[in-house]
Amino acid sequence: MPRTSVEAQLAKLRREREQIEKREKALLARTQGRALERIVALARENSVSVEQIVEALKGGRGRRPGRPASPRAGGKVPPKYRNPADPQQTWTGRGRSPQWVQALREAGALDSALIRD
């Protein structure tokens, strides 16, 4: 059974797509290879270890090696206020304030809930 014109055109397009995909992969491989060579050279020049690179990649933005973490870099913030009526309830002073804080603020007594070290 002879191929119809549409089938022949589709076969030709598929072959062309395969060729384009092969060229795309080859181009990406060359580009990535050059980038890796530059990264390795920079790492060697600056005495950056593989572990430091891996750690920086894990952390997303990450921090630069040798620099201290900023005070706000992750971690919990200690509470600033404690509910006088229920000492289990605390608030850091950040975000939406709980109802007991709002009530103390309206009464003008929020300072009474401050945690003093």
N, C-alpha and C. Protein backbone atom coordinates (compact mmCIF):
# COMPACT_ATOMS: atom_id res chain seq x y z
N MET A 1 0.85 -1.18 0.00
CA MET A 1 0.00 0.00 0.00
C MET A 1 0.90 1.24 0.00
N PRO A 2 0.76 2.10 -0.96
CA PRO A 2 1.61 3.28 -1.06
C PRO A 2 1.26 4.31 0.02
N ARG A 3 2.30 5.04 0.42
CA ARG A 3 2.08 6.07 1.42
C ARG A 3 1.33 7.25 0.81
N THR A 4 0.47 7.79 1.61
CA THR A 4 -0.22 8.99 1.14
C THR A 4 0.70 10.17 1.32
N SER A 5 0.35 11.24 0.75
CA SER A 5 1.16 12.46 0.84
C SER A 5 1.30 12.91 2.29
N VAL A 6 0.22 12.81 3.05
CA VAL A 6 0.24 13.22 4.47
C VAL A 6 1.19 12.33 5.26
N GLU A 7 1.12 11.02 5.04
CA GLU A 7 1.99 10.10 5.76
C GLU A 7 3.45 10.37 5.43
N ALA A 8 3.74 10.65 4.19
CA ALA A 8 5.12 10.94 3.78
C ALA A 8 5.61 12.23 4.43
N GLN A 9 4.75 13.22 4.48
CA GLN A 9 5.12 14.49 5.11
C GLN A 9 5.36 14.31 6.59
N LEU A 10 4.50 13.53 7.25
CA LEU A 10 4.67 13.28 8.68
C LEU A 10 5.98 12.54 8.95
N ALA A 11 6.30 11.54 8.13
CA ALA A 11 7.54 10.79 8.30
C ALA A 11 8.74 11.72 8.15
N LYS A 12 8.69 12.60 7.15
CA LYS A 12 9.78 13.56 6.93
C LYS A 12 9.93 14.49 8.13
N LEU A 13 8.83 14.99 8.64
CA LEU A 13 8.86 15.89 9.81
C LEU A 13 9.43 15.19 11.04
N ARG A 14 9.08 13.93 11.22
CA ARG A 14 9.60 13.17 12.36
C ARG A 14 11.11 12.99 12.26
N ARG A 15 11.60 12.69 11.05
CA ARG A 15 13.05 12.55 10.86
C ARG A 15 13.76 13.88 11.15
N GLU A 16 13.18 14.97 10.66
CA GLU A 16 13.77 16.29 10.90
C GLU A 16 13.78 16.62 12.39
N ARG A 17 12.69 16.27 13.10
CA ARG A 17 12.63 16.53 14.54
C ARG A 17 13.70 15.74 15.27
N GLU A 18 13.92 14.48 14.88
CA GLU A 18 14.96 13.66 15.51
C GLU A 18 16.34 14.27 15.29
N GLN A 19 16.58 14.77 14.07
CA GLN A 19 17.87 15.40 13.78
C GLN A 19 18.06 16.66 14.61
N ILE A 20 17.00 17.46 14.73
CA ILE A 20 17.08 18.69 15.53
C ILE A 20 17.34 18.36 17.00
N GLU A 21 16.67 17.33 17.51
CA GLU A 21 16.87 16.94 18.91
C GLU A 21 18.31 16.48 19.15
N LYS A 22 18.88 15.74 18.19
CA LYS A 22 20.28 15.30 18.32
C LYS A 22 21.21 16.50 18.33
N ARG A 23 20.97 17.47 17.43
CA ARG A 23 21.82 18.67 17.39
C ARG A 23 21.68 19.48 18.67
N GLU A 24 20.46 19.54 19.20
CA GLU A 24 20.21 20.27 20.45
C GLU A 24 20.99 19.63 21.61
N LYS A 25 20.96 18.31 21.70
CA LYS A 25 21.68 17.60 22.76
C LYS A 25 23.18 17.82 22.65
N ALA A 26 23.69 17.78 21.42
CA ALA A 26 25.13 17.98 21.19
C ALA A 26 25.54 19.40 21.59
N LEU A 27 24.73 20.39 21.23
CA LEU A 27 25.02 21.78 21.58
C LEU A 27 25.01 21.97 23.10
N LEU A 28 24.00 21.41 23.76
CA LEU A 28 23.93 21.52 25.22
C LEU A 28 25.12 20.84 25.88
N ALA A 29 25.52 19.70 25.39
CA ALA A 29 26.65 18.98 25.97
C ALA A 29 27.93 19.81 25.84
N ARG A 30 28.14 20.43 24.67
CA ARG A 30 29.33 21.28 24.49
C ARG A 30 29.30 22.48 25.43
N THR A 31 28.15 23.14 25.51
CA THR A 31 28.01 24.32 26.35
C THR A 31 28.20 23.98 27.81
N GLN A 32 27.58 22.90 28.26
CA GLN A 32 27.71 22.48 29.65
C GLN A 32 29.13 22.06 29.96
N GLY A 33 29.78 21.40 28.99
CA GLY A 33 31.17 21.00 29.19
C GLY A 33 32.07 22.20 29.40
N ARG A 34 31.89 23.25 28.59
CA ARG A 34 32.68 24.47 28.76
C ARG A 34 32.39 25.13 30.11
N ALA A 35 31.13 25.16 30.50
CA ALA A 35 30.76 25.77 31.78
C ALA A 35 31.40 25.00 32.93
N LEU A 36 31.37 23.68 32.88
CA LEU A 36 32.00 22.88 33.93
C LEU A 36 33.50 23.12 34.00
N GLU A 37 34.14 23.25 32.83
CA GLU A 37 35.58 23.53 32.83
C GLU A 37 35.86 24.86 33.52
N ARG A 38 35.04 25.87 33.26
CA ARG A 38 35.24 27.18 33.92
C ARG A 38 35.00 27.09 35.42
N ILE A 39 33.96 26.34 35.81
CA ILE A 39 33.65 26.19 37.24
C ILE A 39 34.81 25.50 37.96
N VAL A 40 35.33 24.43 37.37
CA VAL A 40 36.45 23.70 37.98
C VAL A 40 37.66 24.60 38.09
N ALA A 41 37.94 25.37 37.04
CA ALA A 41 39.10 26.27 37.07
C ALA A 41 38.93 27.31 38.17
N LEU A 42 37.75 27.90 38.29
CA LEU A 42 37.50 28.89 39.34
C LEU A 42 37.63 28.27 40.73
N ALA A 43 37.10 27.06 40.89
CA ALA A 43 37.18 26.39 42.18
C ALA A 43 38.64 26.14 42.57
N ARG A 44 39.43 25.69 41.62
CA ARG A 44 40.85 25.43 41.90
C ARG A 44 41.59 26.72 42.23
N GLU A 45 41.34 27.77 41.45
CA GLU A 45 42.02 29.05 41.68
C GLU A 45 41.71 29.63 43.05
N ASN A 46 40.51 29.37 43.55
CA ASN A 46 40.06 29.96 44.81
C ASN A 46 40.01 28.97 45.96
N SER A 47 40.59 27.80 45.77
CA SER A 47 40.65 26.76 46.80
C SER A 47 39.28 26.42 47.37
N VAL A 48 38.30 26.29 46.49
CA VAL A 48 36.96 25.91 46.89
C VAL A 48 36.84 24.40 46.75
N SER A 49 36.41 23.73 47.83
CA SER A 49 36.31 22.28 47.81
C SER A 49 34.99 21.82 47.20
N VAL A 50 34.97 20.56 46.83
CA VAL A 50 33.76 19.96 46.29
C VAL A 50 32.64 20.03 47.32
N GLU A 51 32.99 19.79 48.59
CA GLU A 51 31.99 19.83 49.66
C GLU A 51 31.35 21.21 49.76
N GLN A 52 32.16 22.26 49.61
CA GLN A 52 31.62 23.62 49.68
C GLN A 52 30.68 23.89 48.51
N ILE A 53 31.04 23.39 47.35
CA ILE A 53 30.17 23.57 46.18
C ILE A 53 28.86 22.83 46.38
N VAL A 54 28.94 21.59 46.85
CA VAL A 54 27.73 20.80 47.08
C VAL A 54 26.85 21.48 48.12
N GLU A 55 27.44 21.97 49.19
CA GLU A 55 26.68 22.64 50.24
C GLU A 55 26.00 23.89 49.70
N ALA A 56 26.72 24.65 48.88
CA ALA A 56 26.14 25.86 48.29
C ALA A 56 24.97 25.50 47.36
N LEU A 57 25.09 24.40 46.63
CA LEU A 57 24.00 23.98 45.75
C LEU A 57 22.78 23.52 46.54
N LYS A 58 22.99 22.88 47.66
CA LYS A 58 21.87 22.41 48.49
C LYS A 58 21.10 23.58 49.07
N GLY A 59 21.81 24.62 49.44
CA GLY A 59 21.18 25.73 50.14
C GLY A 59 20.49 26.73 49.25
N GLY A 60 20.37 26.46 47.98
CA GLY A 60 19.74 27.44 47.10
C GLY A 60 20.63 28.65 46.97
N ARG A 61 20.19 29.78 47.51
CA ARG A 61 21.00 30.99 47.45
C ARG A 61 22.29 30.78 48.20
N GLY A 62 22.17 30.15 49.37
CA GLY A 62 23.35 29.86 50.18
C GLY A 62 24.08 31.11 50.63
N ARG A 63 25.03 30.93 51.48
CA ARG A 63 25.86 32.05 51.90
C ARG A 63 27.25 31.81 51.41
N ARG A 64 28.00 32.87 51.28
CA ARG A 64 29.35 32.72 50.78
C ARG A 64 30.22 32.10 51.86
N PRO A 65 31.08 31.16 51.49
CA PRO A 65 31.95 30.52 52.48
C PRO A 65 32.83 31.55 53.17
N GLY A 66 33.06 31.33 54.46
CA GLY A 66 33.92 32.23 55.22
C GLY A 66 33.21 33.44 55.78
N ARG A 67 31.94 33.59 55.47
CA ARG A 67 31.19 34.72 56.01
C ARG A 67 30.20 34.20 57.04
N PRO A 68 30.02 34.91 58.12
CA PRO A 68 29.06 34.44 59.14
C PRO A 68 27.63 34.54 58.61
N ALA A 69 26.80 33.66 59.11
CA ALA A 69 25.38 33.69 58.73
C ALA A 69 24.77 34.95 59.32
N SER A 70 23.81 35.51 58.62
CA SER A 70 23.17 36.71 59.14
C SER A 70 22.34 36.32 60.37
N PRO A 71 22.10 37.25 61.25
CA PRO A 71 21.33 36.93 62.46
C PRO A 71 19.93 36.43 62.15
N ARG A 72 19.39 36.80 61.01
CA ARG A 72 18.04 36.39 60.66
C ARG A 72 18.02 35.18 59.74
N ALA A 73 19.14 34.52 59.55
CA ALA A 73 19.22 33.38 58.63
C ALA A 73 18.65 32.14 59.27
N GLY A 74 17.37 31.92 59.09
CA GLY A 74 16.72 30.72 59.59
C GLY A 74 16.64 30.70 61.12
N GLY A 75 16.24 29.59 61.65
CA GLY A 75 16.17 29.45 63.10
C GLY A 75 14.95 30.13 63.69
N LYS A 76 14.70 29.82 64.93
CA LYS A 76 13.56 30.39 65.62
C LYS A 76 13.93 31.71 66.27
N VAL A 77 12.94 32.56 66.39
CA VAL A 77 13.11 33.83 67.08
C VAL A 77 12.58 33.64 68.50
N PRO A 78 13.33 34.08 69.50
CA PRO A 78 12.83 33.90 70.87
C PRO A 78 11.59 34.76 71.12
N PRO A 79 10.69 34.29 71.98
CA PRO A 79 9.48 35.06 72.26
C PRO A 79 9.81 36.37 72.97
N LYS A 80 9.02 37.39 72.67
CA LYS A 80 9.22 38.72 73.27
C LYS A 80 8.14 39.01 74.32
N TYR A 81 6.98 38.37 74.16
CA TYR A 81 5.86 38.61 75.07
C TYR A 81 5.34 37.28 75.60
N ARG A 82 4.85 37.31 76.86
CA ARG A 82 4.24 36.14 77.48
C ARG A 82 2.90 36.57 78.05
N ASN A 83 1.88 35.75 77.82
CA ASN A 83 0.54 36.05 78.30
C ASN A 83 0.51 35.96 79.82
N PRO A 84 0.20 37.05 80.52
CA PRO A 84 0.16 37.00 81.99
C PRO A 84 -0.90 36.03 82.52
N ALA A 85 -1.98 35.83 81.77
CA ALA A 85 -3.04 34.94 82.22
C ALA A 85 -2.71 33.48 81.95
N ASP A 86 -1.87 33.21 80.94
CA ASP A 86 -1.49 31.84 80.60
C ASP A 86 -0.03 31.84 80.14
N PRO A 87 0.91 31.57 81.04
CA PRO A 87 2.34 31.65 80.70
C PRO A 87 2.78 30.71 79.57
N GLN A 88 1.96 29.74 79.19
CA GLN A 88 2.31 28.86 78.08
C GLN A 88 2.21 29.57 76.73
N GLN A 89 1.43 30.65 76.69
CA GLN A 89 1.24 31.38 75.43
C GLN A 89 2.28 32.49 75.32
N THR A 90 3.00 32.48 74.20
CA THR A 90 4.02 33.51 73.96
C THR A 90 3.84 34.05 72.55
N TRP A 91 4.51 35.17 72.30
CA TRP A 91 4.47 35.79 70.97
C TRP A 91 5.81 36.45 70.72
N THR A 92 6.33 36.29 69.51
CA THR A 92 7.65 36.84 69.17
C THR A 92 7.62 38.32 68.86
N GLY A 93 6.45 38.85 68.63
CA GLY A 93 6.34 40.25 68.22
C GLY A 93 6.32 40.37 66.72
N ARG A 94 6.31 39.24 66.05
CA ARG A 94 6.28 39.22 64.59
C ARG A 94 5.00 38.57 64.10
N GLY A 95 4.58 38.99 62.93
CA GLY A 95 3.39 38.39 62.35
C GLY A 95 2.12 38.89 63.03
N ARG A 96 1.06 38.21 62.78
CA ARG A 96 -0.24 38.59 63.33
C ARG A 96 -0.25 38.37 64.83
N SER A 97 -0.71 39.37 65.54
CA SER A 97 -0.70 39.26 67.00
C SER A 97 -1.90 38.45 67.49
N PRO A 98 -1.67 37.63 68.53
CA PRO A 98 -2.78 36.83 69.10
C PRO A 98 -3.81 37.74 69.78
N GLN A 99 -4.96 37.17 70.06
CA GLN A 99 -6.04 37.95 70.68
C GLN A 99 -5.63 38.51 72.03
N TRP A 100 -4.88 37.74 72.83
CA TRP A 100 -4.50 38.23 74.15
C TRP A 100 -3.56 39.44 74.03
N VAL A 101 -2.75 39.49 72.98
CA VAL A 101 -1.89 40.65 72.75
C VAL A 101 -2.74 41.84 72.34
N GLN A 102 -3.71 41.60 71.47
CA GLN A 102 -4.59 42.69 71.04
C GLN A 102 -5.35 43.27 72.22
N ALA A 103 -5.82 42.40 73.12
CA ALA A 103 -6.55 42.87 74.30
C ALA A 103 -5.65 43.69 75.21
N LEU A 104 -4.42 43.23 75.44
CA LEU A 104 -3.48 43.98 76.26
C LEU A 104 -3.12 45.31 75.61
N ARG A 105 -2.96 45.32 74.30
CA ARG A 105 -2.62 46.55 73.58
C ARG A 105 -3.76 47.57 73.73
N GLU A 106 -5.00 47.10 73.57
CA GLU A 106 -6.16 48.00 73.70
C GLU A 106 -6.27 48.55 75.11
N ALA A 107 -5.89 47.73 76.10
CA ALA A 107 -5.95 48.18 77.50
C ALA A 107 -4.73 49.03 77.86
N GLY A 108 -3.76 49.14 76.95
CA GLY A 108 -2.56 49.93 77.21
C GLY A 108 -1.60 49.23 78.15
N ALA A 109 -1.70 47.90 78.24
CA ALA A 109 -0.88 47.16 79.20
C ALA A 109 0.03 46.13 78.50
N LEU A 110 0.36 46.36 77.24
CA LEU A 110 1.18 45.39 76.53
C LEU A 110 2.57 45.27 77.15
N ASP A 111 3.10 46.35 77.69
CA ASP A 111 4.43 46.30 78.32
C ASP A 111 4.47 45.33 79.49
N SER A 112 3.32 45.07 80.10
CA SER A 112 3.30 44.14 81.24
C SER A 112 3.57 42.71 80.79
N ALA A 113 3.43 42.42 79.51
CA ALA A 113 3.64 41.08 79.00
C ALA A 113 5.05 40.89 78.44
N LEU A 114 5.86 41.94 78.42
CA LEU A 114 7.22 41.83 77.91
C LEU A 114 8.02 40.82 78.73
N ILE A 115 8.78 39.99 78.06
CA ILE A 115 9.65 39.04 78.75
C ILE A 115 10.96 39.75 79.01
N ARG A 116 11.31 39.90 80.25
CA ARG A 116 12.55 40.58 80.61
C ARG A 116 13.55 39.54 81.08
N ASP A 117 14.73 39.58 80.49
CA ASP A 117 15.76 38.60 80.86
C ASP A 117 16.52 39.04 82.08
